[in-house]
């Protein structure tokens, strides 16, 4: 599948290059512009196919269909088109903050009131705002956080050692307790 796709793109680029260099949309003028990686007789055969009326009609029909159905012909990443990813991102930016995000923001403001600088992320505050880990995971961190190192009761009034380094811009580091 990969070789087929790559070869298709190679041919497309060879056609576009020949069209550009010969300054003509007529494939009969491309015959002298064979790519270095292809045998000349193969290239000439392809140019003859591309110049045929049947291929030209099919090509024109495909171009019209592609232009009429832009959403279905978008490039994709995995099984979701880039247009869908873009739309989702725009919707995400427009949505109101979740309860967890609002709670986190409020608790950060309260915890760092009176201080000149406030870190962008305080994991202890996030755990309190998002609630106790559920099924071994902290909300918003997926499977990337080892919750066995998260203190068992973030809202506890007892003193505890932080399980995280929370310096802004620094990667999250786990410490032994």
C-alpha atoms as a PDB file:
ATOM      1  CA  UNK A   1       0.000   0.000   0.000  1.00  0.00           C
ATOM      2  CA  UNK A   2       2.821   2.388   0.871  1.00  0.00           C
ATOM      3  CA  UNK A   3       4.718   1.654  -2.337  1.00  0.00           C
ATOM      4  CA  UNK A   4       1.532   2.116  -4.354  1.00  0.00           C
ATOM      5  CA  UNK A   5       0.814   5.452  -2.698  1.00  0.00           C
ATOM      6  CA  UNK A   6       4.407   6.646  -3.077  1.00  0.00           C
ATOM      7  CA  UNK A   7       4.498   5.640  -6.755  1.00  0.00           C
ATOM      8  CA  UNK A   8       1.210   7.470  -7.363  1.00  0.00           C
ATOM      9  CA  UNK A   9       2.735  10.634  -5.869  1.00  0.00           C
ATOM     10  CA  UNK A  10       5.920  10.170  -7.889  1.00  0.00           C
ATOM     11  CA  UNK A  11       3.903  10.004 -11.118  1.00  0.00           C
ATOM     12  CA  UNK A  12       1.807  13.000 -10.109  1.00  0.00           C
ATOM     13  CA  UNK A  13       4.937  15.052  -9.385  1.00  0.00           C
ATOM     14  CA  UNK A  14       6.575  13.900 -12.634  1.00  0.00           C
ATOM     15  CA  UNK A  15       3.491  14.987 -14.612  1.00  0.00           C
ATOM     16  CA  UNK A  16       3.326  18.365 -12.861  1.00  0.00           C
ATOM     17  CA  UNK A  17       7.045  18.941 -13.384  1.00  0.00           C
ATOM     18  CA  UNK A  18       6.845  18.020 -17.089  1.00  0.00           C
ATOM     19  CA  UNK A  19       3.841  20.317 -17.502  1.00  0.00           C
ATOM     20  CA  UNK A  20       5.666  23.181 -15.799  1.00  0.00           C
ATOM     21  CA  UNK A  21       8.948  22.729 -17.686  1.00  0.00           C
ATOM     22  CA  UNK A  22       7.290  22.309 -21.090  1.00  0.00           C
ATOM     23  CA  UNK A  23       4.848  25.149 -20.302  1.00  0.00           C
ATOM     24  CA  UNK A  24       2.046  23.088 -21.801  1.00  0.00           C
ATOM     25  CA  UNK A  25      -0.908  21.106 -20.518  1.00  0.00           C
ATOM     26  CA  UNK A  26      -0.643  18.813 -23.562  1.00  0.00           C
ATOM     27  CA  UNK A  27       0.997  15.491 -22.550  1.00  0.00           C
ATOM     28  CA  UNK A  28       2.424  15.040 -26.060  1.00  0.00           C
ATOM     29  CA  UNK A  29       4.835  17.897 -25.277  1.00  0.00           C
ATOM     30  CA  UNK A  30       5.994  16.128 -22.107  1.00  0.00           C
ATOM     31  CA  UNK A  31       7.603  13.180 -23.894  1.00  0.00           C
ATOM     32  CA  UNK A  32      11.016  14.856 -23.935  1.00  0.00           C
ATOM     33  CA  UNK A  33      10.825  15.587 -20.186  1.00  0.00           C
ATOM     34  CA  UNK A  34      11.168  12.044 -18.805  1.00  0.00           C
ATOM     35  CA  UNK A  35      12.190  11.842 -15.145  1.00  0.00           C
ATOM     36  CA  UNK A  36      15.679  10.435 -14.568  1.00  0.00           C
ATOM     37  CA  UNK A  37      14.320   7.539 -12.483  1.00  0.00           C
ATOM     38  CA  UNK A  38      12.071   6.176 -15.262  1.00  0.00           C
ATOM     39  CA  UNK A  39      12.905   4.435 -18.526  1.00  0.00           C
ATOM     40  CA  UNK A  40      12.222   6.743 -21.456  1.00  0.00           C
ATOM     41  CA  UNK A  41       9.970   4.244 -23.291  1.00  0.00           C
ATOM     42  CA  UNK A  42       7.795   3.878 -20.163  1.00  0.00           C
ATOM     43  CA  UNK A  43       7.491   7.648 -19.858  1.00  0.00           C
ATOM     44  CA  UNK A  44       6.499   8.011 -23.504  1.00  0.00           C
ATOM     45  CA  UNK A  45       3.853   5.297 -23.068  1.00  0.00           C
ATOM     46  CA  UNK A  46       2.442   7.168 -20.052  1.00  0.00           C
ATOM     47  CA  UNK A  47       2.405  10.440 -22.003  1.00  0.00           C
ATOM     48  CA  UNK A  48       0.430   8.677 -24.765  1.00  0.00           C
ATOM     49  CA  UNK A  49      -2.080   7.376 -22.205  1.00  0.00           C
ATOM     50  CA  UNK A  50      -2.435  10.844 -20.622  1.00  0.00           C
ATOM     51  CA  UNK A  51      -2.946  12.422 -24.057  1.00  0.00           C
ATOM     52  CA  UNK A  52      -5.738   9.967 -24.987  1.00  0.00           C
ATOM     53  CA  UNK A  53      -9.235  11.451 -25.105  1.00  0.00           C
ATOM     54  CA  UNK A  54     -10.682   8.827 -22.732  1.00  0.00           C
ATOM     55  CA  UNK A  55      -8.104   9.615 -20.024  1.00  0.00           C
ATOM     56  CA  UNK A  56      -8.640  13.364 -20.490  1.00  0.00           C
ATOM     57  CA  UNK A  57     -12.417  12.942 -20.028  1.00  0.00           C
ATOM     58  CA  UNK A  58     -11.929  10.831 -16.900  1.00  0.00           C
ATOM     59  CA  UNK A  59      -9.419  13.347 -15.511  1.00  0.00           C
ATOM     60  CA  UNK A  60     -11.831  16.241 -16.120  1.00  0.00           C
ATOM     61  CA  UNK A  61     -14.715  14.324 -14.493  1.00  0.00           C
ATOM     62  CA  UNK A  62     -12.576  13.526 -11.440  1.00  0.00           C
ATOM     63  CA  UNK A  63     -11.528  17.185 -11.070  1.00  0.00           C
ATOM     64  CA  UNK A  64     -15.162  18.339 -11.213  1.00  0.00           C
ATOM     65  CA  UNK A  65     -16.213  15.710  -8.641  1.00  0.00           C
ATOM     66  CA  UNK A  66     -13.320  16.614  -6.342  1.00  0.00           C
ATOM     67  CA  UNK A  67     -14.199  20.314  -6.475  1.00  0.00           C
ATOM     68  CA  UNK A  68     -17.877  19.556  -5.758  1.00  0.00           C
ATOM     69  CA  UNK A  69     -17.140  17.446  -2.644  1.00  0.00           C
ATOM     70  CA  UNK A  70     -14.346  19.257  -0.819  1.00  0.00           C
ATOM     71  CA  UNK A  71     -15.161  17.864   2.651  1.00  0.00           C
ATOM     72  CA  UNK A  72     -14.972  14.243   1.500  1.00  0.00           C
ATOM     73  CA  UNK A  73     -11.691  14.845  -0.306  1.00  0.00           C
ATOM     74  CA  UNK A  74      -9.748  16.451   2.519  1.00  0.00           C
ATOM     75  CA  UNK A  75      -6.364  15.085   3.568  1.00  0.00           C
ATOM     76  CA  UNK A  76      -6.639  12.945   6.630  1.00  0.00           C
ATOM     77  CA  UNK A  77      -4.721  12.157   9.753  1.00  0.00           C
ATOM     78  CA  UNK A  78      -5.663   8.736  10.980  1.00  0.00           C
ATOM     79  CA  UNK A  79      -9.377   8.316  10.292  1.00  0.00           C
ATOM     80  CA  UNK A  80     -10.324  11.955  10.906  1.00  0.00           C
ATOM     81  CA  UNK A  81      -9.851  14.682   8.298  1.00  0.00           C
ATOM     82  CA  UNK A  82      -7.776  17.781   9.027  1.00  0.00           C
ATOM     83  CA  UNK A  83     -10.945  19.853   8.522  1.00  0.00           C
ATOM     84  CA  UNK A  84     -12.628  17.882  11.312  1.00  0.00           C
ATOM     85  CA  UNK A  85      -9.597  18.316  13.601  1.00  0.00           C
ATOM     86  CA  UNK A  86      -9.620  22.060  12.875  1.00  0.00           C
ATOM     87  CA  UNK A  87     -13.350  22.318  13.571  1.00  0.00           C
ATOM     88  CA  UNK A  88     -12.970  20.415  16.842  1.00  0.00           C
ATOM     89  CA  UNK A  89     -10.111  22.652  17.937  1.00  0.00           C
ATOM     90  CA  UNK A  90     -12.126  25.790  17.157  1.00  0.00           C
ATOM     91  CA  UNK A  91     -15.071  24.408  19.143  1.00  0.00           C
ATOM     92  CA  UNK A  92     -12.756  23.503  22.040  1.00  0.00           C
ATOM     93  CA  UNK A  93     -11.457  27.077  22.156  1.00  0.00           C
ATOM     94  CA  UNK A  94     -15.011  28.495  22.150  1.00  0.00           C
ATOM     95  CA  UNK A  95     -16.415  26.217  24.854  1.00  0.00           C
ATOM     96  CA  UNK A  96     -16.875  27.466  28.415  1.00  0.00           C
ATOM     97  CA  UNK A  97     -14.393  26.090  30.958  1.00  0.00           C
ATOM     98  CA  UNK A  98     -15.249  22.780  32.596  1.00  0.00           C
ATOM     99  CA  UNK A  99     -16.011  22.547  36.288  1.00  0.00           C
ATOM    100  CA  UNK A 100     -12.514  21.147  36.896  1.00  0.00           C
ATOM    101  CA  UNK A 101     -10.837  23.996  34.982  1.00  0.00           C
ATOM    102  CA  UNK A 102     -12.917  26.630  36.753  1.00  0.00           C
ATOM    103  CA  UNK A 103     -12.260  25.052  40.144  1.00  0.00           C
ATOM    104  CA  UNK A 104      -8.540  24.791  39.361  1.00  0.00           C
ATOM    105  CA  UNK A 105      -8.351  28.445  38.336  1.00  0.00           C
ATOM    106  CA  UNK A 106     -10.186  29.553  41.487  1.00  0.00           C
ATOM    107  CA  UNK A 107      -8.052  27.390  43.789  1.00  0.00           C
ATOM    108  CA  UNK A 108      -4.812  28.581  42.132  1.00  0.00           C
ATOM    109  CA  UNK A 109      -5.894  32.182  42.684  1.00  0.00           C
ATOM    110  CA  UNK A 110      -6.663  31.459  46.343  1.00  0.00           C
ATOM    111  CA  UNK A 111      -3.439  29.487  46.967  1.00  0.00           C
ATOM    112  CA  UNK A 112      -1.148  32.051  45.345  1.00  0.00           C
ATOM    113  CA  UNK A 113      -2.982  35.208  46.462  1.00  0.00           C
ATOM    114  CA  UNK A 114      -0.479  37.864  47.445  1.00  0.00           C
ATOM    115  CA  UNK A 115       2.399  36.235  45.565  1.00  0.00           C
ATOM    116  CA  UNK A 116       3.923  38.044  42.601  1.00  0.00           C
ATOM    117  CA  UNK A 117       4.192  35.011  40.373  1.00  0.00           C
ATOM    118  CA  UNK A 118       1.940  32.016  40.136  1.00  0.00           C
ATOM    119  CA  UNK A 119       3.009  28.786  38.417  1.00  0.00           C
ATOM    120  CA  UNK A 120       0.989  27.751  35.379  1.00  0.00           C
ATOM    121  CA  UNK A 121       0.432  24.333  36.871  1.00  0.00           C
ATOM    122  CA  UNK A 122       0.334  23.161  40.452  1.00  0.00           C
ATOM    123  CA  UNK A 123      -0.422  19.456  40.312  1.00  0.00           C
ATOM    124  CA  UNK A 124      -1.564  19.306  43.922  1.00  0.00           C
ATOM    125  CA  UNK A 125      -4.194  21.954  43.164  1.00  0.00           C
ATOM    126  CA  UNK A 126      -5.186  20.149  39.957  1.00  0.00           C
ATOM    127  CA  UNK A 127      -5.747  16.855  41.817  1.00  0.00           C
ATOM    128  CA  UNK A 128      -7.882  18.655  44.402  1.00  0.00           C
ATOM    129  CA  UNK A 129      -9.862  20.473  41.693  1.00  0.00           C
ATOM    130  CA  UNK A 130     -10.393  17.410  39.517  1.00  0.00           C
ATOM    131  CA  UNK A 131     -11.217  15.082  42.355  1.00  0.00           C
ATOM    132  CA  UNK A 132      -9.600  11.881  43.504  1.00  0.00           C
ATOM    133  CA  UNK A 133      -8.029   9.675  40.858  1.00  0.00           C
ATOM    134  CA  UNK A 134     -10.632   7.468  39.194  1.00  0.00           C
ATOM    135  CA  UNK A 135      -9.686   4.034  37.914  1.00  0.00           C
ATOM    136  CA  UNK A 136      -6.073   4.915  38.635  1.00  0.00           C
ATOM    137  CA  UNK A 137      -6.059   8.078  36.505  1.00  0.00           C
ATOM    138  CA  UNK A 138      -6.179  11.800  37.215  1.00  0.00           C
ATOM    139  CA  UNK A 139      -8.669  13.754  35.075  1.00  0.00           C
ATOM    140  CA  UNK A 140      -6.942  15.578  32.226  1.00  0.00           C
ATOM    141  CA  UNK A 141      -3.758  13.469  32.303  1.00  0.00           C
ATOM    142  CA  UNK A 142      -5.038  10.279  30.702  1.00  0.00           C
ATOM    143  CA  UNK A 143      -2.702   7.354  31.263  1.00  0.00           C
ATOM    144  CA  UNK A 144       0.471   9.454  31.504  1.00  0.00           C
ATOM    145  CA  UNK A 145       0.427  10.039  35.249  1.00  0.00           C
ATOM    146  CA  UNK A 146       1.460   7.342  37.690  1.00  0.00           C
ATOM    147  CA  UNK A 147      -1.165   7.890  40.357  1.00  0.00           C
ATOM    148  CA  UNK A 148       0.472   5.464  42.763  1.00  0.00           C
ATOM    149  CA  UNK A 149       2.824   8.348  43.552  1.00  0.00           C
ATOM    150  CA  UNK A 150       0.037  10.878  43.992  1.00  0.00           C
ATOM    151  CA  UNK A 151      -0.649  11.385  47.634  1.00  0.00           C
ATOM    152  CA  UNK A 152      -3.781   9.542  48.717  1.00  0.00           C
ATOM    153  CA  UNK A 153      -5.702  12.540  49.988  1.00  0.00           C
ATOM    154  CA  UNK A 154      -4.812  15.781  48.257  1.00  0.00           C
ATOM    155  CA  UNK A 155      -7.331  17.698  50.321  1.00  0.00           C
ATOM    156  CA  UNK A 156      -5.990  16.331  53.602  1.00  0.00           C
ATOM    157  CA  UNK A 157      -4.955  18.953  56.112  1.00  0.00           C
ATOM    158  CA  UNK A 158      -1.966  16.865  57.161  1.00  0.00           C
ATOM    159  CA  UNK A 159       1.465  17.773  55.912  1.00  0.00           C
ATOM    160  CA  UNK A 160       2.701  15.737  52.989  1.00  0.00           C
ATOM    161  CA  UNK A 161       5.589  15.706  50.531  1.00  0.00           C
ATOM    162  CA  UNK A 162       4.725  16.782  47.005  1.00  0.00           C
ATOM    163  CA  UNK A 163       4.896  13.988  44.462  1.00  0.00           C
ATOM    164  CA  UNK A 164       5.701  16.417  41.667  1.00  0.00           C
ATOM    165  CA  UNK A 165       8.037  19.149  40.510  1.00  0.00           C
ATOM    166  CA  UNK A 166       5.786  22.038  39.517  1.00  0.00           C
ATOM    167  CA  UNK A 167       8.188  24.578  38.107  1.00  0.00           C
ATOM    168  CA  UNK A 168       6.632  26.350  35.123  1.00  0.00           C
ATOM    169  CA  UNK A 169       7.984  25.029  31.863  1.00  0.00           C
ATOM    170  CA  UNK A 170       9.782  22.135  33.540  1.00  0.00           C
ATOM    171  CA  UNK A 171       8.821  18.571  32.758  1.00  0.00           C
ATOM    172  CA  UNK A 172       6.832  16.751  35.404  1.00  0.00           C
ATOM    173  CA  UNK A 173       9.174  14.803  37.666  1.00  0.00           C
ATOM    174  CA  UNK A 174       8.187  12.190  40.177  1.00  0.00           C
ATOM    175  CA  UNK A 175       9.848  12.004  43.596  1.00  0.00           C
ATOM    176  CA  UNK A 176       9.890   9.287  46.197  1.00  0.00           C
ATOM    177  CA  UNK A 177       7.753   9.993  49.185  1.00  0.00           C
END
